[in-house]
Amino acid sequence: MKIDSGLLVTDMKQIPARVRELEEAGFDGCFTFEGPHEPFMPLVLAAEHSKLEVGTGLAIAFARTPMTVAHLAHDLQQFSGGRFWLGLGSQIKPHIEARFSMPWSKPVTRMKEFVRALRAIFANWNTNERLDFRGEFYKHTLMPPVFSPGPAKGGAPPIYLGGVGPKMTEAAGEVADGMVLHPFHTERSLEEVMLPNLRKGLAASERQLSDFTLCAQVLLVTGNDEAEFENARAMTRNQIAFYASTPAYRSVLEAEGCADLQPELRELTKTGRWHEMAALIDDELLSRIAVVGTPGEVAESLLARYGSLASRLASASPFPLSQECASEIISGLRSRMDPA
């Protein structure tokens, strides 16, 4: 199992120091996400100043075209020497239409076609296959040699899809190389909702879970002292409340028998009462979604929850773990995975 961390920097000048800290703590990789900053550019610095594997976790596919994503991914794969993975997500309709000013329709069908278009483009660049992709949403049939970047070191990067709902989870199993498990999940929603649909998609592509990379992003509530722990708990409670307000993520709450919480949180977002949302996330729900405890307890819980499933395990907390705390969790995971 490989262990990753979010970059979580607001200034690109901080990236060299940040990735050195992650390497010293023992992380294998780092990732960005589509938030206040563009997710691809920071990975250039991360790849240059470390030996970490680097990836997007996640970039929004529908904010771009397959060709623009292919160029970004191909160049990062080449620059990093084959250490890049491409994580893609769909986002929701209001963001695609009103924030990115891009078309939205049939998100699951569109995402599957997006991935297949990427594969066609990568095949043209890496193995010189003729580019002739014609789909319902995307068409890529022109690639003069002067515009082809040629093969990348390491070949085409692996493509991972993010998803929470059953149909997008199934799509990940059908067309992707792996899935980025959204941090808003519980053990029950994973076992009862996500894994059955993921296996359904894998069966459609004649594969099993062992042929697939499951990247589990996890919210951690931990710390080396009381102040650090309480800050982690407050920030994580806010993050969970934000996720839980999204209708597309309702299936997680349904699995836990608290689906009524979603419209209540949604109403608070509509009236701008963001500061009231965290109070609706009680300690029990917090502990079902996040992994809560001392660094040693967190390592033990992570291995119990994901040890038999995940190929990659990622800290997806909305704050950077202290280096001391991260090192303790990672060393605890390593010792439990390989007691010798």
C-alpha atoms as a PDB file:
ATOM      1  CA  MET A   1       0.000   0.000   0.000  1.00  0.00           C
ATOM      2  CA  LYS A   2       1.303   3.451  -0.943  1.00  0.00           C
ATOM      3  CA  ILE A   3       0.575   6.456   1.251  1.00  0.00           C
ATOM      4  CA  ASP A   4      -0.185   9.904  -0.180  1.00  0.00           C
ATOM      5  CA  SER A   5      -0.874  13.409   1.069  1.00  0.00           C
ATOM      6  CA  GLY A   6      -2.473  16.495  -0.354  1.00  0.00           C
ATOM      7  CA  LEU A   7      -0.073  19.318  -1.172  1.00  0.00           C
ATOM      8  CA  LEU A   8      -2.260  21.882   0.651  1.00  0.00           C
ATOM      9  CA  VAL A   9      -0.252  24.982  -0.168  1.00  0.00           C
ATOM     10  CA  THR A  10      -1.639  28.365  -1.206  1.00  0.00           C
ATOM     11  CA  ASP A  11       1.563  29.711  -2.763  1.00  0.00           C
ATOM     12  CA  MET A  12       3.458  27.723  -5.376  1.00  0.00           C
ATOM     13  CA  LYS A  13       6.723  29.032  -3.907  1.00  0.00           C
ATOM     14  CA  GLN A  14       5.974  26.827  -0.882  1.00  0.00           C
ATOM     15  CA  ILE A  15       5.862  23.611  -2.900  1.00  0.00           C
ATOM     16  CA  PRO A  16       9.597  22.672  -2.868  1.00  0.00           C
ATOM     17  CA  ALA A  17       9.712  22.870   0.934  1.00  0.00           C
ATOM     18  CA  ARG A  18       6.369  21.113   1.273  1.00  0.00           C
ATOM     19  CA  VAL A  19       7.324  18.096  -0.857  1.00  0.00           C
ATOM     20  CA  ARG A  20      10.607  17.745   1.015  1.00  0.00           C
ATOM     21  CA  GLU A  21       8.602  17.592   4.256  1.00  0.00           C
ATOM     22  CA  LEU A  22       6.335  14.926   2.777  1.00  0.00           C
ATOM     23  CA  GLU A  23       9.303  12.831   1.679  1.00  0.00           C
ATOM     24  CA  GLU A  24      10.937  13.120   5.085  1.00  0.00           C
ATOM     25  CA  ALA A  25       7.669  12.063   6.764  1.00  0.00           C
ATOM     26  CA  GLY A  26       7.619   8.931   4.605  1.00  0.00           C
ATOM     27  CA  PHE A  27       4.868   9.639   2.083  1.00  0.00           C
ATOM     28  CA  ASP A  28       5.040   7.911  -1.319  1.00  0.00           C
ATOM     29  CA  GLY A  29       3.041  10.476  -3.281  1.00  0.00           C
ATOM     30  CA  CYS A  30       1.217  13.785  -3.236  1.00  0.00           C
ATOM     31  CA  PHE A  31      -1.860  15.119  -4.991  1.00  0.00           C
ATOM     32  CA  THR A  32      -3.719  18.301  -5.784  1.00  0.00           C
ATOM     33  CA  PHE A  33      -7.434  18.947  -6.166  1.00  0.00           C
ATOM     34  CA  GLU A  34      -9.649  21.339  -8.108  1.00  0.00           C
ATOM     35  CA  GLY A  35     -10.297  24.008  -5.499  1.00  0.00           C
ATOM     36  CA  PRO A  36      -9.057  27.591  -5.181  1.00  0.00           C
ATOM     37  CA  HIS A  37      -6.127  26.787  -7.486  1.00  0.00           C
ATOM     38  CA  GLU A  38      -5.516  25.007 -10.784  1.00  0.00           C
ATOM     39  CA  PRO A  39      -4.500  21.384 -10.053  1.00  0.00           C
ATOM     40  CA  PHE A  40      -1.956  20.551 -12.783  1.00  0.00           C
ATOM     41  CA  MET A  41       0.621  23.338 -12.579  1.00  0.00           C
ATOM     42  CA  PRO A  42       1.698  22.740  -8.938  1.00  0.00           C
ATOM     43  CA  LEU A  43       2.610  19.156  -9.805  1.00  0.00           C
ATOM     44  CA  VAL A  44       5.397  20.371 -12.091  1.00  0.00           C
ATOM     45  CA  LEU A  45       7.208  21.793  -9.059  1.00  0.00           C
ATOM     46  CA  ALA A  46       6.323  18.772  -6.921  1.00  0.00           C
ATOM     47  CA  ALA A  47       7.827  16.424  -9.514  1.00  0.00           C
ATOM     48  CA  GLU A  48      10.904  18.593  -9.981  1.00  0.00           C
ATOM     49  CA  HIS A  49      11.752  18.941  -6.301  1.00  0.00           C
ATOM     50  CA  SER A  50      10.993  15.411  -5.075  1.00  0.00           C
ATOM     51  CA  LYS A  51      10.893  11.771  -6.047  1.00  0.00           C
ATOM     52  CA  LEU A  52       7.253  11.503  -4.960  1.00  0.00           C
ATOM     53  CA  GLU A  53       4.612  10.119  -7.259  1.00  0.00           C
ATOM     54  CA  VAL A  54       2.290  12.970  -8.213  1.00  0.00           C
ATOM     55  CA  GLY A  55      -1.332  13.113  -9.279  1.00  0.00           C
ATOM     56  CA  THR A  56      -4.562  15.043  -9.479  1.00  0.00           C
ATOM     57  CA  GLY A  57      -7.027  13.978  -6.870  1.00  0.00           C
ATOM     58  CA  LEU A  58      -9.174  15.264  -8.493  1.00  0.00           C
ATOM     59  CA  ALA A  59      -9.207  17.518 -11.557  1.00  0.00           C
ATOM     60  CA  ILE A  60     -12.603  18.329 -13.050  1.00  0.00           C
ATOM     61  CA  ALA A  61     -12.938  16.584 -16.403  1.00  0.00           C
ATOM     62  CA  PHE A  62     -15.971  18.488 -17.653  1.00  0.00           C
ATOM     63  CA  ALA A  63     -14.246  21.847 -17.112  1.00  0.00           C
ATOM     64  CA  ARG A  64     -11.926  20.825 -19.948  1.00  0.00           C
ATOM     65  CA  THR A  65     -11.863  18.778 -23.142  1.00  0.00           C
ATOM     66  CA  PRO A  66     -10.192  15.373 -23.536  1.00  0.00           C
ATOM     67  CA  MET A  67      -7.467  16.960 -25.690  1.00  0.00           C
ATOM     68  CA  THR A  68      -6.563  19.675 -23.175  1.00  0.00           C
ATOM     69  CA  VAL A  69      -6.465  17.116 -20.361  1.00  0.00           C
ATOM     70  CA  ALA A  70      -4.423  14.723 -22.501  1.00  0.00           C
ATOM     71  CA  HIS A  71      -1.756  17.362 -23.152  1.00  0.00           C
ATOM     72  CA  LEU A  72      -1.500  18.282 -19.472  1.00  0.00           C
ATOM     73  CA  ALA A  73      -1.338  14.661 -18.357  1.00  0.00           C
ATOM     74  CA  HIS A  74       1.095  13.600 -21.074  1.00  0.00           C
ATOM     75  CA  ASP A  75       3.502  16.440 -20.317  1.00  0.00           C
ATOM     76  CA  LEU A  76       3.425  15.745 -16.575  1.00  0.00           C
ATOM     77  CA  GLN A  77       4.023  12.039 -17.211  1.00  0.00           C
ATOM     78  CA  GLN A  78       7.016  12.864 -19.395  1.00  0.00           C
ATOM     79  CA  PHE A  79       8.424  15.509 -17.045  1.00  0.00           C
ATOM     80  CA  SER A  80       8.088  13.309 -13.956  1.00  0.00           C
ATOM     81  CA  GLY A  81       9.629  10.288 -15.668  1.00  0.00           C
ATOM     82  CA  GLY A  82       6.472   8.197 -15.364  1.00  0.00           C
ATOM     83  CA  ARG A  83       5.453   9.229 -11.816  1.00  0.00           C
ATOM     84  CA  PHE A  84       2.115  10.868 -12.683  1.00  0.00           C
ATOM     85  CA  TRP A  85      -1.445   9.613 -12.262  1.00  0.00           C
ATOM     86  CA  LEU A  86      -4.489  11.368 -13.680  1.00  0.00           C
ATOM     87  CA  GLY A  87      -7.425  11.588 -11.306  1.00  0.00           C
ATOM     88  CA  LEU A  88     -10.659  12.955 -12.772  1.00  0.00           C
ATOM     89  CA  GLY A  89     -14.043  13.882 -11.334  1.00  0.00           C
ATOM     90  CA  SER A  90     -17.290  15.160 -12.788  1.00  0.00           C
ATOM     91  CA  GLN A  91     -18.324  17.853 -10.254  1.00  0.00           C
ATOM     92  CA  ILE A  92     -22.012  18.786 -10.202  1.00  0.00           C
ATOM     93  CA  LYS A  93     -24.157  20.623 -12.715  1.00  0.00           C
ATOM     94  CA  PRO A  94     -24.209  24.128 -11.107  1.00  0.00           C
ATOM     95  CA  HIS A  95     -20.400  24.254 -11.007  1.00  0.00           C
ATOM     96  CA  ILE A  96     -19.913  23.006 -14.555  1.00  0.00           C
ATOM     97  CA  GLU A  97     -22.472  25.378 -16.047  1.00  0.00           C
ATOM     98  CA  ALA A  98     -22.193  28.452 -13.793  1.00  0.00           C
ATOM     99  CA  ARG A  99     -18.559  28.317 -12.610  1.00  0.00           C
ATOM    100  CA  PHE A 100     -16.795  26.805 -15.622  1.00  0.00           C
ATOM    101  CA  SER A 101     -19.323  27.776 -18.335  1.00  0.00           C
ATOM    102  CA  MET A 102     -19.174  24.315 -19.871  1.00  0.00           C
ATOM    103  CA  PRO A 103     -21.928  21.943 -21.035  1.00  0.00           C
ATOM    104  CA  TRP A 104     -23.528  19.431 -18.679  1.00  0.00           C
ATOM    105  CA  SER A 105     -25.559  16.398 -19.664  1.00  0.00           C
ATOM    106  CA  LYS A 106     -25.600  12.662 -18.976  1.00  0.00           C
ATOM    107  CA  PRO A 107     -22.601  12.866 -16.598  1.00  0.00           C
ATOM    108  CA  VAL A 108     -21.947   9.126 -16.335  1.00  0.00           C
ATOM    109  CA  THR A 109     -22.159   8.511 -20.082  1.00  0.00           C
ATOM    110  CA  ARG A 110     -20.097  11.646 -20.741  1.00  0.00           C
ATOM    111  CA  MET A 111     -17.410  10.593 -18.256  1.00  0.00           C
ATOM    112  CA  LYS A 112     -17.039   7.138 -19.778  1.00  0.00           C
ATOM    113  CA  GLU A 113     -16.701   8.711 -23.192  1.00  0.00           C
ATOM    114  CA  PHE A 114     -14.182  11.245 -21.847  1.00  0.00           C
ATOM    115  CA  VAL A 115     -11.946   8.431 -20.593  1.00  0.00           C
ATOM    116  CA  ARG A 116     -12.220   6.503 -23.855  1.00  0.00           C
ATOM    117  CA  ALA A 117     -11.327   9.651 -25.790  1.00  0.00           C
ATOM    118  CA  LEU A 118      -8.261  10.127 -23.588  1.00  0.00           C
ATOM    119  CA  ARG A 119      -7.172   6.562 -24.253  1.00  0.00           C
ATOM    120  CA  ALA A 120      -7.511   7.102 -28.002  1.00  0.00           C
ATOM    121  CA  ILE A 121      -5.370  10.244 -27.830  1.00  0.00           C
ATOM    122  CA  PHE A 122      -2.739   8.585 -25.628  1.00  0.00           C
ATOM    123  CA  ALA A 123      -2.604   5.613 -28.004  1.00  0.00           C
ATOM    124  CA  ASN A 124      -1.969   7.946 -30.924  1.00  0.00           C
ATOM    125  CA  TRP A 125       0.907   9.693 -29.133  1.00  0.00           C
ATOM    126  CA  ASN A 126       2.491   6.675 -27.479  1.00  0.00           C
ATOM    127  CA  THR A 127       2.010   3.861 -29.994  1.00  0.00           C
ATOM    128  CA  ASN A 128       1.180   5.786 -33.175  1.00  0.00           C
ATOM    129  CA  GLU A 129      -2.346   4.386 -33.497  1.00  0.00           C
ATOM    130  CA  ARG A 130      -4.565   6.353 -35.861  1.00  0.00           C
ATOM    131  CA  LEU A 131      -6.672   8.930 -34.035  1.00  0.00           C
ATOM    132  CA  ASP A 132     -10.285   8.329 -34.972  1.00  0.00           C
ATOM    133  CA  PHE A 133     -12.477   8.832 -31.932  1.00  0.00           C
ATOM    134  CA  ARG A 134     -16.133   9.681 -32.610  1.00  0.00           C
ATOM    135  CA  GLY A 135     -18.528   9.830 -29.690  1.00  0.00           C
ATOM    136  CA  GLU A 136     -21.765  11.443 -28.632  1.00  0.00           C
ATOM    137  CA  PHE A 137     -20.004  14.351 -26.884  1.00  0.00           C
ATOM    138  CA  TYR A 138     -16.413  14.363 -28.144  1.00  0.00           C
ATOM    139  CA  LYS A 139     -14.782  13.956 -31.525  1.00  0.00           C
ATOM    140  CA  HIS A 140     -11.015  13.665 -32.030  1.00  0.00           C
ATOM    141  CA  THR A 141      -9.946  12.768 -35.546  1.00  0.00           C
ATOM    142  CA  LEU A 142      -7.162  15.226 -36.390  1.00  0.00           C
ATOM    143  CA  MET A 143      -3.570  14.909 -35.187  1.00  0.00           C
ATOM    144  CA  PRO A 144      -0.959  16.138 -37.692  1.00  0.00           C
ATOM    145  CA  PRO A 145       2.544  14.902 -36.766  1.00  0.00           C
ATOM    146  CA  VAL A 146       3.664  18.445 -35.988  1.00  0.00           C
ATOM    147  CA  PHE A 147       1.166  18.569 -33.091  1.00  0.00           C
ATOM    148  CA  SER A 148       1.900  15.136 -31.652  1.00  0.00           C
ATOM    149  CA  PRO A 149       4.223  15.223 -28.596  1.00  0.00           C
ATOM    150  CA  GLY A 150       5.352  11.647 -29.217  1.00  0.00           C
ATOM    151  CA  PRO A 151       5.702   8.917 -26.585  1.00  0.00           C
ATOM    152  CA  ALA A 152       5.979   9.825 -22.896  1.00  0.00           C
ATOM    153  CA  LYS A 153       8.401   8.165 -20.537  1.00  0.00           C
ATOM    154  CA  GLY A 154       6.369   5.515 -18.779  1.00  0.00           C
ATOM    155  CA  GLY A 155       3.703   5.545 -21.479  1.00  0.00           C
ATOM    156  CA  ALA A 156       0.169   6.759 -20.880  1.00  0.00           C
ATOM    157  CA  PRO A 157      -0.510   7.686 -17.241  1.00  0.00           C
ATOM    158  CA  PRO A 158      -3.077   5.634 -15.317  1.00  0.00           C
ATOM    159  CA  ILE A 159      -6.540   7.193 -15.218  1.00  0.00           C
ATOM    160  CA  TYR A 160      -8.445   7.162 -11.934  1.00  0.00           C
ATOM    161  CA  LEU A 161     -12.049   8.336 -11.569  1.00  0.00           C
ATOM    162  CA  GLY A 162     -13.668   9.808  -8.509  1.00  0.00           C
ATOM    163  CA  GLY A 163     -17.243   9.008  -7.650  1.00  0.00           C
ATOM    164  CA  VAL A 164     -19.729   8.736  -4.813  1.00  0.00           C
ATOM    165  CA  GLY A 165     -22.992   7.759  -6.489  1.00  0.00           C
ATOM    166  CA  PRO A 166     -23.637   4.196  -7.655  1.00  0.00           C
ATOM    167  CA  LYS A 167     -23.598   4.920 -11.404  1.00  0.00           C
ATOM    168  CA  MET A 168     -20.321   6.882 -11.416  1.00  0.00           C
ATOM    169  CA  THR A 169     -18.745   4.241  -9.182  1.00  0.00           C
ATOM    170  CA  GLU A 170     -19.805   1.574 -11.653  1.00  0.00           C
ATOM    171  CA  ALA A 171     -18.377   3.680 -14.501  1.00  0.00           C
ATOM    172  CA  ALA A 172     -15.008   3.815 -12.734  1.00  0.00           C
ATOM    173  CA  GLY A 173     -14.923   0.033 -12.612  1.00  0.00           C
ATOM    174  CA  GLU A 174     -15.865  -0.199 -16.264  1.00  0.00           C
ATOM    175  CA  VAL A 175     -13.456   2.261 -17.925  1.00  0.00           C
ATOM    176  CA  ALA A 176     -10.771   3.473 -15.490  1.00  0.00           C
ATOM    177  CA  ASP A 177      -7.522   2.048 -14.162  1.00  0.00           C
ATOM    178  CA  GLY A 178      -8.516   2.947 -10.639  1.00  0.00           C
ATOM    179  CA  MET A 179     -10.910   4.877  -8.456  1.00  0.00           C
ATOM    180  CA  VAL A 180     -10.296   7.731  -6.033  1.00  0.00           C
ATOM    181  CA  LEU A 181     -12.570   7.008  -3.111  1.00  0.00           C
ATOM    182  CA  HIS A 182     -14.115  10.297  -2.023  1.00  0.00           C
ATOM    183  CA  PRO A 183     -13.289  11.149   1.616  1.00  0.00           C
ATOM    184  CA  PHE A 184     -17.026  11.468   2.287  1.00  0.00           C
ATOM    185  CA  HIS A 185     -17.779   7.798   2.912  1.00  0.00           C
ATOM    186  CA  THR A 186     -18.261   5.368   5.777  1.00  0.00           C
ATOM    187  CA  GLU A 187     -17.397   1.717   6.182  1.00  0.00           C
ATOM    188  CA  ARG A 188     -21.069   0.867   5.664  1.00  0.00           C
ATOM    189  CA  SER A 189     -21.530   2.975   2.534  1.00  0.00           C
ATOM    190  CA  LEU A 190     -18.316   1.507   1.136  1.00  0.00           C
ATOM    191  CA  GLU A 191     -19.380  -2.091   1.752  1.00  0.00           C
ATOM    192  CA  GLU A 192     -23.077  -1.780   0.931  1.00  0.00           C
ATOM    193  CA  VAL A 193     -23.140   0.802  -1.868  1.00  0.00           C
ATOM    194  CA  MET A 194     -19.792   1.539  -3.462  1.00  0.00           C
ATOM    195  CA  LEU A 195     -18.020  -1.815  -3.646  1.00  0.00           C
ATOM    196  CA  PRO A 196     -20.998  -3.724  -5.142  1.00  0.00           C
ATOM    197  CA  ASN A 197     -21.319  -1.083  -7.875  1.00  0.00           C
ATOM    198  CA  LEU A 198     -17.568  -0.958  -8.435  1.00  0.00           C
ATOM    199  CA  ARG A 199     -17.487  -4.742  -8.851  1.00  0.00           C
ATOM    200  CA  LYS A 200     -20.407  -4.500 -11.274  1.00  0.00           C
ATOM    201  CA  GLY A 201     -18.396  -2.117 -13.438  1.00  0.00           C
ATOM    202  CA  LEU A 202     -15.303  -4.292 -13.178  1.00  0.00           C
ATOM    203  CA  ALA A 203     -17.304  -7.312 -14.296  1.00  0.00           C
ATOM    204  CA  ALA A 204     -18.415  -5.375 -17.386  1.00  0.00           C
ATOM    205  CA  SER A 205     -14.743  -4.891 -18.279  1.00  0.00           C
ATOM    206  CA  GLU A 206     -13.919  -8.504 -17.354  1.00  0.00           C
ATOM    207  CA  ARG A 207     -11.732  -7.511 -14.421  1.00  0.00           C
ATOM    208  CA  GLN A 208     -11.593  -8.020 -10.668  1.00  0.00           C
ATOM    209  CA  LEU A 209     -10.708  -5.679  -7.809  1.00  0.00           C
ATOM    210  CA  SER A 210      -7.186  -7.138  -7.830  1.00  0.00           C
ATOM    211  CA  ASP A 211      -6.765  -5.736 -11.376  1.00  0.00           C
ATOM    212  CA  PHE A 212      -7.720  -2.250 -10.201  1.00  0.00           C
ATOM    213  CA  THR A 213      -6.201   0.529  -8.080  1.00  0.00           C
ATOM    214  CA  LEU A 214      -8.421   1.754  -5.256  1.00  0.00           C
ATOM    215  CA  CYS A 215      -7.136   5.053  -3.846  1.00  0.00           C
ATOM    216  CA  ALA A 216      -8.842   5.688  -0.512  1.00  0.00           C
ATOM    217  CA  GLN A 217      -8.900   9.349   0.480  1.00  0.00           C
ATOM    218  CA  VAL A 218      -9.587   9.627   4.201  1.00  0.00           C
ATOM    219  CA  LEU A 219     -10.336  12.434   6.636  1.00  0.00           C
ATOM    220  CA  LEU A 220      -8.153  12.201   9.748  1.00  0.00           C
ATOM    221  CA  VAL A 221      -8.878  13.695  13.155  1.00  0.00           C
ATOM    222  CA  THR A 222      -5.697  13.423  15.147  1.00  0.00           C
ATOM    223  CA  GLY A 223      -2.907  15.436  16.711  1.00  0.00           C
ATOM    224  CA  ASN A 224       0.071  15.370  19.033  1.00  0.00           C
ATOM    225  CA  ASP A 225      -1.615  17.559  21.658  1.00  0.00           C
ATOM    226  CA  GLU A 226      -5.103  18.673  22.658  1.00  0.00           C
ATOM    227  CA  ALA A 227      -5.007  21.938  20.703  1.00  0.00           C
ATOM    228  CA  GLU A 228      -3.923  20.175  17.495  1.00  0.00           C
ATOM    229  CA  PHE A 229      -6.588  17.521  17.963  1.00  0.00           C
ATOM    230  CA  GLU A 230      -9.397  20.022  18.583  1.00  0.00           C
ATOM    231  CA  ASN A 231      -8.418  22.061  15.540  1.00  0.00           C
ATOM    232  CA  ALA A 232      -8.493  18.892  13.424  1.00  0.00           C
ATOM    233  CA  ARG A 233     -11.904  17.948  14.781  1.00  0.00           C
ATOM    234  CA  ALA A 234     -13.400  21.416  14.111  1.00  0.00           C
ATOM    235  CA  MET A 235     -12.046  21.642  10.567  1.00  0.00           C
ATOM    236  CA  THR A 236     -13.113  18.099   9.720  1.00  0.00           C
ATOM    237  CA  ARG A 237     -16.610  18.684  11.081  1.00  0.00           C
ATOM    238  CA  ASN A 238     -16.913  21.692   8.767  1.00  0.00           C
ATOM    239  CA  GLN A 239     -15.679  19.669   5.806  1.00  0.00           C
ATOM    240  CA  ILE A 240     -18.131  16.834   6.434  1.00  0.00           C
ATOM    241  CA  ALA A 241     -21.014  19.296   6.749  1.00  0.00           C
ATOM    242  CA  PHE A 242     -20.093  20.809   3.391  1.00  0.00           C
ATOM    243  CA  TYR A 243     -19.953  17.384   1.704  1.00  0.00           C
ATOM    244  CA  ALA A 244     -23.178  16.233   3.349  1.00  0.00           C
ATOM    245  CA  SER A 245     -25.083  19.242   1.991  1.00  0.00           C
ATOM    246  CA  THR A 246     -24.554  17.996  -1.581  1.00  0.00           C
ATOM    247  CA  PRO A 247     -27.558  16.040  -2.953  1.00  0.00           C
ATOM    248  CA  ALA A 248     -25.294  13.851  -5.096  1.00  0.00           C
ATOM    249  CA  TYR A 249     -23.639  12.522  -1.922  1.00  0.00           C
ATOM    250  CA  ARG A 250     -26.887  11.606  -0.190  1.00  0.00           C
ATOM    251  CA  SER A 251     -26.261   7.860  -0.614  1.00  0.00           C
ATOM    252  CA  VAL A 252     -23.601   7.971   2.114  1.00  0.00           C
ATOM    253  CA  LEU A 253     -26.054   9.457   4.602  1.00  0.00           C
ATOM    254  CA  GLU A 254     -28.752   7.016   3.510  1.00  0.00           C
ATOM    255  CA  ALA A 255     -26.453   4.105   4.298  1.00  0.00           C
ATOM    256  CA  GLU A 256     -26.040   5.487   7.817  1.00  0.00           C
ATOM    257  CA  GLY A 257     -29.766   6.098   8.340  1.00  0.00           C
ATOM    258  CA  CYS A 258     -29.459   9.891   8.468  1.00  0.00           C
ATOM    259  CA  ALA A 259     -30.613  10.962   5.002  1.00  0.00           C
ATOM    260  CA  ASP A 260     -32.813  13.700   6.529  1.00  0.00           C
ATOM    261  CA  LEU A 261     -29.649  15.588   7.413  1.00  0.00           C
ATOM    262  CA  GLN A 262     -28.912  16.364   3.755  1.00  0.00           C
ATOM    263  CA  PRO A 263     -31.874  18.688   2.984  1.00  0.00           C
ATOM    264  CA  GLU A 264     -31.394  20.436   6.335  1.00  0.00           C
ATOM    265  CA  LEU A 265     -27.764  21.201   5.504  1.00  0.00           C
ATOM    266  CA  ARG A 266     -28.706  22.106   1.942  1.00  0.00           C
ATOM    267  CA  GLU A 267     -31.152  24.704   3.195  1.00  0.00           C
ATOM    268  CA  LEU A 268     -28.452  26.285   5.339  1.00  0.00           C
ATOM    269  CA  THR A 269     -26.209  26.668   2.275  1.00  0.00           C
ATOM    270  CA  LYS A 270     -29.028  28.315   0.324  1.00  0.00           C
ATOM    271  CA  THR A 271     -29.592  30.900   3.060  1.00  0.00           C
ATOM    272  CA  GLY A 272     -25.879  31.533   3.559  1.00  0.00           C
ATOM    273  CA  ARG A 273     -25.809  30.144   7.120  1.00  0.00           C
ATOM    274  CA  TRP A 274     -22.555  28.272   6.583  1.00  0.00           C
ATOM    275  CA  HIS A 275     -21.355  28.792  10.162  1.00  0.00           C
ATOM    276  CA  GLU A 276     -24.333  26.799  11.520  1.00  0.00           C
ATOM    277  CA  MET A 277     -23.691  23.644   9.487  1.00  0.00           C
ATOM    278  CA  ALA A 278     -20.911  22.022  11.494  1.00  0.00           C
ATOM    279  CA  ALA A 279     -23.081  21.847  14.618  1.00  0.00           C
ATOM    280  CA  LEU A 280     -25.303  19.300  12.843  1.00  0.00           C
ATOM    281  CA  ILE A 281     -22.440  16.814  12.538  1.00  0.00           C
ATOM    282  CA  ASP A 282     -22.362  14.983  15.862  1.00  0.00           C
ATOM    283  CA  ASP A 283     -19.422  12.993  17.212  1.00  0.00           C
ATOM    284  CA  GLU A 284     -20.932   9.677  16.159  1.00  0.00           C
ATOM    285  CA  LEU A 285     -21.286  10.653  12.493  1.00  0.00           C
ATOM    286  CA  LEU A 286     -17.866  12.303  12.621  1.00  0.00           C
ATOM    287  CA  SER A 287     -16.265   9.033  13.743  1.00  0.00           C
ATOM    288  CA  ARG A 288     -18.112   6.996  11.083  1.00  0.00           C
ATOM    289  CA  ILE A 289     -16.753   9.177   8.275  1.00  0.00           C
ATOM    290  CA  ALA A 290     -13.373  10.316   9.624  1.00  0.00           C
ATOM    291  CA  VAL A 291     -10.723   8.241  11.373  1.00  0.00           C
ATOM    292  CA  VAL A 292     -10.418   9.679  14.868  1.00  0.00           C
ATOM    293  CA  GLY A 293      -7.729   9.055  17.488  1.00  0.00           C
ATOM    294  CA  THR A 294      -4.103   9.400  18.437  1.00  0.00           C
ATOM    295  CA  PRO A 295      -1.594   8.899  15.597  1.00  0.00           C
ATOM    296  CA  GLY A 296      -1.074   5.299  16.715  1.00  0.00           C
ATOM    297  CA  GLU A 297      -4.804   4.628  16.909  1.00  0.00           C
ATOM    298  CA  VAL A 298      -5.304   6.235  13.490  1.00  0.00           C
ATOM    299  CA  ALA A 299      -2.697   3.939  11.921  1.00  0.00           C
ATOM    300  CA  GLU A 300      -4.413   0.895  13.410  1.00  0.00           C
ATOM    301  CA  SER A 301      -7.879   2.036  12.288  1.00  0.00           C
ATOM    302  CA  LEU A 302      -6.709   2.862   8.766  1.00  0.00           C
ATOM    303  CA  LEU A 303      -5.245  -0.587   8.313  1.00  0.00           C
ATOM    304  CA  ALA A 304      -8.379  -2.234   9.715  1.00  0.00           C
ATOM    305  CA  ARG A 305     -10.673  -0.260   7.381  1.00  0.00           C
ATOM    306  CA  TYR A 306      -8.646  -0.261   4.177  1.00  0.00           C
ATOM    307  CA  GLY A 307      -5.792  -2.746   4.475  1.00  0.00           C
ATOM    308  CA  SER A 308      -7.473  -5.451   2.405  1.00  0.00           C
ATOM    309  CA  LEU A 309      -8.945  -3.055  -0.185  1.00  0.00           C
ATOM    310  CA  ALA A 310      -6.827  -0.014  -0.955  1.00  0.00           C
ATOM    311  CA  SER A 311      -3.722   0.123  -3.123  1.00  0.00           C
ATOM    312  CA  ARG A 312      -3.167   3.746  -2.135  1.00  0.00           C
ATOM    313  CA  LEU A 313      -4.167   5.486   1.084  1.00  0.00           C
ATOM    314  CA  ALA A 314      -4.360   9.278   1.185  1.00  0.00           C
ATOM    315  CA  SER A 315      -4.720  11.829   3.940  1.00  0.00           C
ATOM    316  CA  ALA A 316      -7.447  14.115   2.576  1.00  0.00           C
ATOM    317  CA  SER A 317      -7.881  16.310   5.644  1.00  0.00           C
ATOM    318  CA  PRO A 318      -8.487  20.024   4.948  1.00  0.00           C
ATOM    319  CA  PHE A 319      -5.319  20.905   6.905  1.00  0.00           C
ATOM    320  CA  PRO A 320      -1.723  19.684   6.714  1.00  0.00           C
ATOM    321  CA  LEU A 321      -0.756  17.132   9.347  1.00  0.00           C
ATOM    322  CA  SER A 322       2.279  18.137  11.359  1.00  0.00           C
ATOM    323  CA  GLN A 323       5.390  16.294  10.200  1.00  0.00           C
ATOM    324  CA  GLU A 324       5.697  14.572  13.586  1.00  0.00           C
ATOM    325  CA  CYS A 325       2.097  13.365  13.454  1.00  0.00           C
ATOM    326  CA  ALA A 326       2.342  12.201   9.826  1.00  0.00           C
ATOM    327  CA  SER A 327       5.590  10.339  10.509  1.00  0.00           C
ATOM    328  CA  GLU A 328       4.051   8.513  13.452  1.00  0.00           C
ATOM    329  CA  ILE A 329       0.999   7.446  11.433  1.00  0.00           C
ATOM    330  CA  ILE A 330       3.113   6.282   8.491  1.00  0.00           C
ATOM    331  CA  SER A 331       5.592   4.374  10.640  1.00  0.00           C
ATOM    332  CA  GLY A 332       2.654   2.781  12.452  1.00  0.00           C
ATOM    333  CA  LEU A 333       1.132   1.709   9.143  1.00  0.00           C
ATOM    334  CA  ARG A 334       4.421   0.356   7.828  1.00  0.00           C
ATOM    335  CA  SER A 335       5.150  -1.655  10.970  1.00  0.00           C
ATOM    336  CA  ARG A 336       1.665  -3.177  10.973  1.00  0.00           C
ATOM    337  CA  MET A 337       1.816  -4.018   7.246  1.00  0.00           C
ATOM    338  CA  ASP A 338       5.251  -5.567   7.608  1.00  0.00           C
ATOM    339  CA  PRO A 339       5.815  -6.546  11.254  1.00  0.00           C
ATOM    340  CA  ALA A 340       9.244  -7.993  10.463  1.00  0.00           C
END
